[in-house]
N, C-alpha and C. Protein backbone atom coordinates (compact mmCIF):
# COMPACT_ATOMS: atom_id res chain seq x y z
N MET A 1 -25.52 -123.21 122.45
CA MET A 1 -25.98 -123.61 120.83
C MET A 1 -24.90 -123.79 120.44
N ILE A 2 -25.31 -124.72 119.45
CA ILE A 2 -24.55 -125.77 118.71
C ILE A 2 -23.73 -124.74 117.61
N GLY A 3 -24.89 -123.90 117.02
CA GLY A 3 -24.51 -122.96 116.00
C GLY A 3 -25.38 -123.26 114.74
N PRO A 4 -25.38 -122.52 113.85
CA PRO A 4 -26.36 -122.41 112.83
C PRO A 4 -26.40 -123.64 111.87
N LEU A 5 -27.33 -124.52 112.08
CA LEU A 5 -27.35 -125.96 111.65
C LEU A 5 -28.36 -126.05 110.39
N PRO A 6 -28.35 -126.77 109.41
CA PRO A 6 -29.39 -127.05 108.50
C PRO A 6 -30.86 -127.55 109.39
N ARG A 7 -31.65 -127.32 108.77
CA ARG A 7 -32.97 -128.02 109.24
C ARG A 7 -32.94 -129.40 109.68
N LEU A 8 -32.38 -130.33 108.71
CA LEU A 8 -32.35 -131.63 109.16
C LEU A 8 -31.45 -132.00 110.13
N HIS A 9 -30.44 -131.45 110.41
CA HIS A 9 -29.65 -131.70 111.45
C HIS A 9 -30.08 -131.11 112.84
N ARG A 10 -30.95 -129.74 112.67
CA ARG A 10 -31.57 -129.37 113.78
C ARG A 10 -32.66 -130.36 114.29
N LEU A 11 -33.51 -131.10 113.51
CA LEU A 11 -34.49 -132.07 113.84
C LEU A 11 -33.80 -133.43 114.44
N LEU A 12 -32.83 -133.48 113.73
CA LEU A 12 -31.90 -134.63 114.28
C LEU A 12 -31.57 -134.66 115.94
N VAL A 13 -30.94 -133.58 116.09
CA VAL A 13 -30.54 -132.99 117.44
C VAL A 13 -31.93 -133.13 118.55
N VAL A 14 -32.93 -132.52 117.80
CA VAL A 14 -34.08 -132.56 118.93
C VAL A 14 -34.57 -133.98 119.05
N ALA A 15 -34.66 -134.80 118.14
CA ALA A 15 -35.08 -136.20 118.30
C ALA A 15 -34.31 -136.94 119.01
N VAL A 16 -32.82 -136.60 119.05
CA VAL A 16 -31.68 -137.42 119.82
C VAL A 16 -32.08 -137.10 121.31
N ALA A 17 -32.21 -135.76 121.53
CA ALA A 17 -32.28 -135.07 122.71
C ALA A 17 -33.52 -135.60 123.51
N LEU A 18 -34.68 -135.83 122.66
CA LEU A 18 -35.96 -136.13 123.38
C LEU A 18 -35.72 -137.68 123.72
N ILE A 19 -35.12 -138.60 122.69
CA ILE A 19 -34.89 -140.12 123.04
C ILE A 19 -34.27 -140.32 124.12
N VAL A 20 -33.29 -139.39 124.50
CA VAL A 20 -31.91 -139.89 125.50
C VAL A 20 -32.78 -139.32 126.64
N ALA A 21 -33.44 -138.19 126.77
CA ALA A 21 -34.10 -137.73 127.88
C ALA A 21 -35.32 -138.68 128.08
N ILE A 22 -36.14 -139.24 127.52
CA ILE A 22 -37.35 -139.77 127.61
C ILE A 22 -36.68 -141.35 128.28
N ALA A 23 -35.53 -142.05 127.70
CA ALA A 23 -35.06 -143.08 128.31
C ALA A 23 -34.43 -142.78 129.28
N SER A 24 -33.74 -141.82 129.73
CA SER A 24 -33.16 -141.68 130.80
C SER A 24 -33.85 -141.59 131.91
N GLY A 25 -35.12 -140.45 131.83
CA GLY A 25 -36.09 -140.45 132.59
C GLY A 25 -36.59 -141.82 133.19
N ALA A 26 -37.21 -142.34 132.52
CA ALA A 26 -37.89 -143.72 132.46
C ALA A 26 -36.75 -145.01 133.42
N TRP A 27 -35.45 -144.87 132.86
CA TRP A 27 -34.44 -145.59 133.50
C TRP A 27 -34.29 -145.27 135.00
N VAL A 28 -34.24 -144.05 135.21
CA VAL A 28 -34.00 -143.34 136.60
C VAL A 28 -35.06 -143.79 137.64
N ALA A 29 -36.35 -143.38 136.87
CA ALA A 29 -37.64 -143.83 137.86
C ALA A 29 -37.86 -145.20 137.77
N HIS A 30 -37.30 -146.20 136.98
CA HIS A 30 -37.67 -147.73 137.26
C HIS A 30 -37.06 -148.27 138.67
N PHE A 31 -36.11 -147.49 138.92
CA PHE A 31 -35.56 -147.92 140.68
C PHE A 31 -36.36 -147.48 141.65
N SER A 32 -37.52 -146.77 141.15
CA SER A 32 -38.35 -146.31 142.46
C SER A 32 -39.49 -147.57 142.84
N PRO A 33 -39.57 -147.38 143.94
CA PRO A 33 -40.89 -148.59 144.39
C PRO A 33 -42.22 -148.40 143.94
N LEU A 34 -42.65 -147.11 143.56
CA LEU A 34 -43.99 -146.93 142.76
C LEU A 34 -44.11 -147.56 141.51
N PRO A 35 -45.20 -148.26 141.32
CA PRO A 35 -45.43 -148.94 140.05
C PRO A 35 -45.61 -148.38 138.82
N VAL A 36 -46.09 -146.94 138.74
CA VAL A 36 -46.29 -145.97 137.66
C VAL A 36 -44.88 -145.26 137.67
N ALA A 37 -44.04 -145.50 138.26
CA ALA A 37 -42.99 -144.44 138.12
C ALA A 37 -42.11 -144.35 136.95
N ALA A 38 -42.01 -145.40 135.92
CA ALA A 38 -41.28 -145.34 134.62
C ALA A 38 -42.20 -144.73 133.83
N VAL A 39 -43.31 -144.50 134.01
CA VAL A 39 -44.19 -143.74 132.95
C VAL A 39 -44.09 -142.23 133.48
N ALA A 40 -43.92 -141.98 134.79
CA ALA A 40 -43.77 -140.77 135.21
C ALA A 40 -42.34 -140.36 134.99
N GLY A 41 -41.62 -141.06 135.09
CA GLY A 41 -40.45 -140.69 134.87
C GLY A 41 -40.27 -140.43 133.22
N ALA A 42 -40.65 -141.06 132.34
CA ALA A 42 -40.63 -140.95 130.88
C ALA A 42 -41.31 -139.51 130.67
N MET A 43 -42.46 -139.10 131.41
CA MET A 43 -43.14 -138.00 130.95
C MET A 43 -42.12 -136.85 131.48
N TRP A 44 -41.52 -136.93 132.81
CA TRP A 44 -40.46 -135.76 133.20
C TRP A 44 -39.46 -135.85 132.31
N GLY A 45 -38.93 -136.83 131.58
CA GLY A 45 -37.84 -136.87 130.54
C GLY A 45 -38.08 -135.99 129.43
N PHE A 46 -39.30 -136.24 128.86
CA PHE A 46 -40.01 -135.75 127.95
C PHE A 46 -40.06 -134.34 127.84
N PHE A 47 -40.18 -133.81 129.09
CA PHE A 47 -40.24 -132.19 129.43
C PHE A 47 -38.78 -131.77 129.50
N ALA A 48 -38.06 -132.57 130.03
CA ALA A 48 -36.65 -132.08 130.23
C ALA A 48 -35.81 -132.09 128.59
N GLY A 49 -36.54 -133.19 127.96
CA GLY A 49 -35.98 -133.06 126.45
C GLY A 49 -36.27 -132.13 125.50
N ILE A 50 -37.41 -131.46 125.95
CA ILE A 50 -37.96 -130.67 125.42
C ILE A 50 -36.95 -129.24 125.71
N VAL A 51 -37.06 -128.95 126.97
CA VAL A 51 -36.11 -127.72 127.26
C VAL A 51 -34.64 -128.14 126.63
N LEU A 52 -34.11 -129.19 126.87
CA LEU A 52 -32.89 -129.32 126.33
C LEU A 52 -32.44 -129.40 124.71
N ALA A 53 -33.50 -129.92 124.19
CA ALA A 53 -33.45 -129.57 122.74
C ALA A 53 -33.34 -128.15 122.51
N TYR A 54 -34.41 -127.17 122.93
CA TYR A 54 -34.54 -125.81 122.66
C TYR A 54 -33.34 -125.14 123.00
N VAL A 55 -32.81 -125.34 124.31
CA VAL A 55 -31.18 -124.83 124.49
C VAL A 55 -30.35 -125.17 123.37
N LEU A 56 -30.47 -126.50 122.98
CA LEU A 56 -29.25 -126.98 121.95
C LEU A 56 -29.51 -126.09 120.57
N VAL A 57 -30.64 -125.77 120.02
CA VAL A 57 -30.82 -125.56 118.89
C VAL A 57 -31.27 -123.76 118.73
N HIS A 58 -31.57 -123.40 120.07
CA HIS A 58 -32.06 -121.98 120.00
C HIS A 58 -30.71 -121.00 119.65
N ASP A 59 -30.83 -119.98 119.02
CA ASP A 59 -29.83 -118.76 118.97
C ASP A 59 -30.21 -117.78 119.61
N PHE A 60 -29.57 -117.73 120.70
CA PHE A 60 -29.99 -116.53 122.05
C PHE A 60 -29.34 -115.32 121.64
N HIS A 61 -28.32 -115.23 120.52
CA HIS A 61 -27.50 -114.15 120.28
C HIS A 61 -28.26 -113.39 119.00
N ALA A 62 -29.10 -113.96 118.32
CA ALA A 62 -29.61 -113.54 117.10
C ALA A 62 -30.47 -112.48 117.33
N HIS A 63 -30.15 -111.17 116.42
CA HIS A 63 -30.66 -110.03 116.59
C HIS A 63 -31.52 -109.83 115.11
N PRO A 64 -32.57 -109.45 115.18
CA PRO A 64 -33.42 -109.07 113.90
C PRO A 64 -32.54 -107.98 113.26
N HIS A 65 -32.27 -108.36 111.78
CA HIS A 65 -31.97 -107.36 111.00
C HIS A 65 -32.61 -106.31 110.50
N PRO A 66 -32.21 -104.97 110.51
CA PRO A 66 -33.18 -104.05 109.95
C PRO A 66 -33.23 -104.21 108.52
N VAL A 67 -34.68 -103.96 107.81
CA VAL A 67 -34.82 -104.07 106.47
C VAL A 67 -34.67 -102.58 105.86
N ARG A 68 -33.92 -102.58 105.02
CA ARG A 68 -33.68 -101.20 104.11
C ARG A 68 -34.49 -101.26 103.07
N LEU A 69 -35.11 -100.03 103.30
CA LEU A 69 -36.28 -99.63 102.09
C LEU A 69 -35.53 -98.73 101.32
N ARG A 70 -35.73 -98.83 99.75
CA ARG A 70 -35.07 -97.56 98.95
C ARG A 70 -36.11 -96.79 98.19
N ARG A 71 -36.31 -95.84 98.44
CA ARG A 71 -37.40 -94.87 97.76
C ARG A 71 -36.99 -94.36 96.77
N HIS A 72 -37.49 -94.30 95.58
CA HIS A 72 -36.81 -93.41 94.45
C HIS A 72 -37.89 -92.22 94.26
């Protein structure tokens, strides 16, 4: 986890992770002899980017705080 980021920064991290993962998946699959490998690589990159983005911005150590009720 990177840390508690503002919403805009989290969206930017997610967008950059997805773009890099899609481009790298298509680039790696481009060297395959199959004709539709670039599209398949981009799809695998998309799914890998979703997982990467979730891991980057999710707080795994966050615990719900109990709500205090005051009764008068």
